[in-house]
Amino acid sequence: MVQPRERRAATRIDKVFRVLIATDEHGEQWCVARNISTTGLFVEMPEPLPLRSKVVVRFQLPGDDAAICAIARVQNHYYFQYSEGGELAALCGVGLRFLRFVPDVGAPVPPERLH
């Protein structure tokens, strides 16, 4: 059997964590991120945002007051069906591509960035 060719250049880390997604048009919503790479992440959403929407993604490291903040674009929509305990289940979400990382709103500016 022929194996499908992997299109992703960046290695993904399969880790489930919460992220806050914000847009001017749709407000803020907490979502579940399912994996992350250097170029983007998959976010589970009950109502996927429109393709090419720009979003602000905020996630926080456990035990840390500072958040990591990125501007990203909705690149793809995904809908998965699977069997769980003999029952049919579904999951939908979006693939986000990171455009750039930015300081979190209200976060102090690191001293090396002041010059």
C-alpha atoms as a PDB file:
ATOM      1  CA  MET A   1       0.000   0.000   0.000  1.00  0.00           C
ATOM      2  CA  VAL A   2       1.253   3.487  -0.856  1.00  0.00           C
ATOM      3  CA  GLN A   3       1.807   5.760   2.134  1.00  0.00           C
ATOM      4  CA  PRO A   4       0.493   9.316   1.713  1.00  0.00           C
ATOM      5  CA  ARG A   5       3.242  11.908   1.469  1.00  0.00           C
ATOM      6  CA  GLU A   6       3.515  14.193   4.496  1.00  0.00           C
ATOM      7  CA  ARG A   7       2.983  17.803   3.371  1.00  0.00           C
ATOM      8  CA  ARG A   8       4.002  19.416   6.634  1.00  0.00           C
ATOM      9  CA  ALA A   9       7.586  20.582   6.869  1.00  0.00           C
ATOM     10  CA  ALA A  10       7.448  21.340  10.614  1.00  0.00           C
ATOM     11  CA  THR A  11       7.305  18.654  13.280  1.00  0.00           C
ATOM     12  CA  ARG A  12       4.085  18.680  15.287  1.00  0.00           C
ATOM     13  CA  ILE A  13       3.770  18.176  19.027  1.00  0.00           C
ATOM     14  CA  ASP A  14       0.561  16.386  19.992  1.00  0.00           C
ATOM     15  CA  LYS A  15      -0.467  18.154  23.178  1.00  0.00           C
ATOM     16  CA  VAL A  16      -3.922  19.209  24.334  1.00  0.00           C
ATOM     17  CA  PHE A  17      -4.099  22.695  25.879  1.00  0.00           C
ATOM     18  CA  ARG A  18      -6.463  25.655  26.157  1.00  0.00           C
ATOM     19  CA  VAL A  19      -6.068  28.756  23.995  1.00  0.00           C
ATOM     20  CA  LEU A  20      -7.988  32.024  23.869  1.00  0.00           C
ATOM     21  CA  ILE A  21      -8.939  32.966  20.304  1.00  0.00           C
ATOM     22  CA  ALA A  22      -9.934  36.586  19.667  1.00  0.00           C
ATOM     23  CA  THR A  23     -11.197  38.401  16.570  1.00  0.00           C
ATOM     24  CA  ASP A  24     -12.730  41.833  16.118  1.00  0.00           C
ATOM     25  CA  GLU A  25     -15.756  40.318  14.358  1.00  0.00           C
ATOM     26  CA  HIS A  26     -16.427  37.293  16.614  1.00  0.00           C
ATOM     27  CA  GLY A  27     -15.080  38.332  20.017  1.00  0.00           C
ATOM     28  CA  GLU A  28     -13.127  36.018  22.328  1.00  0.00           C
ATOM     29  CA  GLN A  29     -13.645  32.318  22.919  1.00  0.00           C
ATOM     30  CA  TRP A  30     -11.747  29.625  24.798  1.00  0.00           C
ATOM     31  CA  CYS A  31     -10.891  26.655  22.604  1.00  0.00           C
ATOM     32  CA  VAL A  32      -8.890  23.452  22.807  1.00  0.00           C
ATOM     33  CA  ALA A  33      -5.686  23.219  20.782  1.00  0.00           C
ATOM     34  CA  ARG A  34      -4.850  19.654  19.788  1.00  0.00           C
ATOM     35  CA  ASN A  35      -1.332  20.031  18.402  1.00  0.00           C
ATOM     36  CA  ILE A  36       1.205  22.698  17.646  1.00  0.00           C
ATOM     37  CA  SER A  37       4.247  23.226  15.425  1.00  0.00           C
ATOM     38  CA  THR A  38       6.537  26.137  14.651  1.00  0.00           C
ATOM     39  CA  THR A  39       4.220  27.225  11.826  1.00  0.00           C
ATOM     40  CA  GLY A  40       0.756  26.769  13.332  1.00  0.00           C
ATOM     41  CA  LEU A  41      -1.696  24.726  15.338  1.00  0.00           C
ATOM     42  CA  PHE A  42      -5.009  22.868  15.131  1.00  0.00           C
ATOM     43  CA  VAL A  43      -7.804  24.324  17.279  1.00  0.00           C
ATOM     44  CA  GLU A  44     -11.038  22.507  18.059  1.00  0.00           C
ATOM     45  CA  MET A  45     -14.004  24.870  17.583  1.00  0.00           C
ATOM     46  CA  PRO A  46     -17.733  24.093  17.572  1.00  0.00           C
ATOM     47  CA  GLU A  47     -18.297  26.826  14.949  1.00  0.00           C
ATOM     48  CA  PRO A  48     -15.180  27.304  12.779  1.00  0.00           C
ATOM     49  CA  LEU A  49     -14.279  30.865  11.890  1.00  0.00           C
ATOM     50  CA  PRO A  50     -14.299  31.850   8.194  1.00  0.00           C
ATOM     51  CA  LEU A  51     -11.265  30.926   6.100  1.00  0.00           C
ATOM     52  CA  ARG A  52      -8.527  33.574   5.965  1.00  0.00           C
ATOM     53  CA  SER A  53      -9.822  35.263   9.159  1.00  0.00           C
ATOM     54  CA  LYS A  54      -7.042  36.831  11.203  1.00  0.00           C
ATOM     55  CA  VAL A  55      -7.102  35.917  14.883  1.00  0.00           C
ATOM     56  CA  VAL A  56      -5.108  36.584  18.020  1.00  0.00           C
ATOM     57  CA  VAL A  57      -4.106  33.369  19.798  1.00  0.00           C
ATOM     58  CA  ARG A  58      -3.120  33.518  23.475  1.00  0.00           C
ATOM     59  CA  PHE A  59      -1.827  30.578  25.439  1.00  0.00           C
ATOM     60  CA  GLN A  60      -0.210  30.475  28.816  1.00  0.00           C
ATOM     61  CA  LEU A  61       2.411  28.172  30.233  1.00  0.00           C
ATOM     62  CA  PRO A  62       1.306  26.428  33.445  1.00  0.00           C
ATOM     63  CA  GLY A  63       2.453  28.337  36.524  1.00  0.00           C
ATOM     64  CA  ASP A  64       3.546  31.359  34.481  1.00  0.00           C
ATOM     65  CA  ASP A  65       1.866  34.773  34.541  1.00  0.00           C
ATOM     66  CA  ALA A  66       3.073  35.715  31.053  1.00  0.00           C
ATOM     67  CA  ALA A  67       1.106  34.575  28.018  1.00  0.00           C
ATOM     68  CA  ILE A  68       2.428  33.741  24.560  1.00  0.00           C
ATOM     69  CA  CYS A  69       0.535  35.745  21.967  1.00  0.00           C
ATOM     70  CA  ALA A  70       0.472  35.252  18.184  1.00  0.00           C
ATOM     71  CA  ILE A  71      -1.357  36.645  15.181  1.00  0.00           C
ATOM     72  CA  ALA A  72      -2.578  33.771  13.006  1.00  0.00           C
ATOM     73  CA  ARG A  73      -4.782  33.134   9.972  1.00  0.00           C
ATOM     74  CA  VAL A  74      -7.471  30.457   9.565  1.00  0.00           C
ATOM     75  CA  GLN A  75      -5.898  28.256   6.918  1.00  0.00           C
ATOM     76  CA  ASN A  76      -8.189  25.174   6.813  1.00  0.00           C
ATOM     77  CA  HIS A  77     -11.450  23.757   8.149  1.00  0.00           C
ATOM     78  CA  TYR A  78     -11.530  20.177   9.457  1.00  0.00           C
ATOM     79  CA  TYR A  79     -14.364  17.803  10.355  1.00  0.00           C
ATOM     80  CA  PHE A  80     -13.508  14.392  11.800  1.00  0.00           C
ATOM     81  CA  GLN A  81     -15.844  11.485  12.502  1.00  0.00           C
ATOM     82  CA  TYR A  82     -14.680   8.624  14.682  1.00  0.00           C
ATOM     83  CA  SER A  83     -15.996   5.820  16.844  1.00  0.00           C
ATOM     84  CA  GLU A  84     -15.764   6.149  20.602  1.00  0.00           C
ATOM     85  CA  GLY A  85     -17.051   3.298  22.746  1.00  0.00           C
ATOM     86  CA  GLY A  86     -19.058   1.961  19.820  1.00  0.00           C
ATOM     87  CA  GLU A  87     -20.768   5.324  19.302  1.00  0.00           C
ATOM     88  CA  LEU A  88     -20.195   7.718  16.415  1.00  0.00           C
ATOM     89  CA  ALA A  89     -18.538  10.964  17.533  1.00  0.00           C
ATOM     90  CA  ALA A  90     -17.364  14.073  15.669  1.00  0.00           C
ATOM     91  CA  LEU A  91     -14.875  16.878  16.075  1.00  0.00           C
ATOM     92  CA  CYS A  92     -14.493  20.032  14.017  1.00  0.00           C
ATOM     93  CA  GLY A  93     -11.954  22.788  14.080  1.00  0.00           C
ATOM     94  CA  VAL A  94      -9.536  24.975  12.178  1.00  0.00           C
ATOM     95  CA  GLY A  95      -5.915  24.895  11.191  1.00  0.00           C
ATOM     96  CA  LEU A  96      -4.226  28.169  12.096  1.00  0.00           C
ATOM     97  CA  ARG A  97      -1.005  29.401  10.476  1.00  0.00           C
ATOM     98  CA  PHE A  98       1.139  31.656  12.630  1.00  0.00           C
ATOM     99  CA  LEU A  99       1.875  35.002  10.951  1.00  0.00           C
ATOM    100  CA  ARG A 100       3.906  36.564  13.765  1.00  0.00           C
ATOM    101  CA  PHE A 101       4.335  36.538  17.518  1.00  0.00           C
ATOM    102  CA  VAL A 102       3.567  39.730  19.429  1.00  0.00           C
ATOM    103  CA  PRO A 103       3.803  40.952  23.025  1.00  0.00           C
ATOM    104  CA  ASP A 104       0.656  40.173  24.976  1.00  0.00           C
ATOM    105  CA  VAL A 105      -1.588  43.170  25.646  1.00  0.00           C
ATOM    106  CA  GLY A 106      -0.672  44.646  29.019  1.00  0.00           C
ATOM    107  CA  ALA A 107       2.530  42.606  29.292  1.00  0.00           C
ATOM    108  CA  PRO A 108       5.696  44.476  30.239  1.00  0.00           C
ATOM    109  CA  VAL A 109       8.084  45.103  27.357  1.00  0.00           C
ATOM    110  CA  PRO A 110      11.358  43.200  27.837  1.00  0.00           C
ATOM    111  CA  PRO A 111      14.264  45.645  28.525  1.00  0.00           C
ATOM    112  CA  GLU A 112      16.219  44.455  25.458  1.00  0.00           C
ATOM    113  CA  ARG A 113      13.308  45.564  23.213  1.00  0.00           C
ATOM    114  CA  LEU A 114      13.258  49.157  24.536  1.00  0.00           C
ATOM    115  CA  HIS A 115      16.274  50.283  22.451  1.00  0.00           C
END
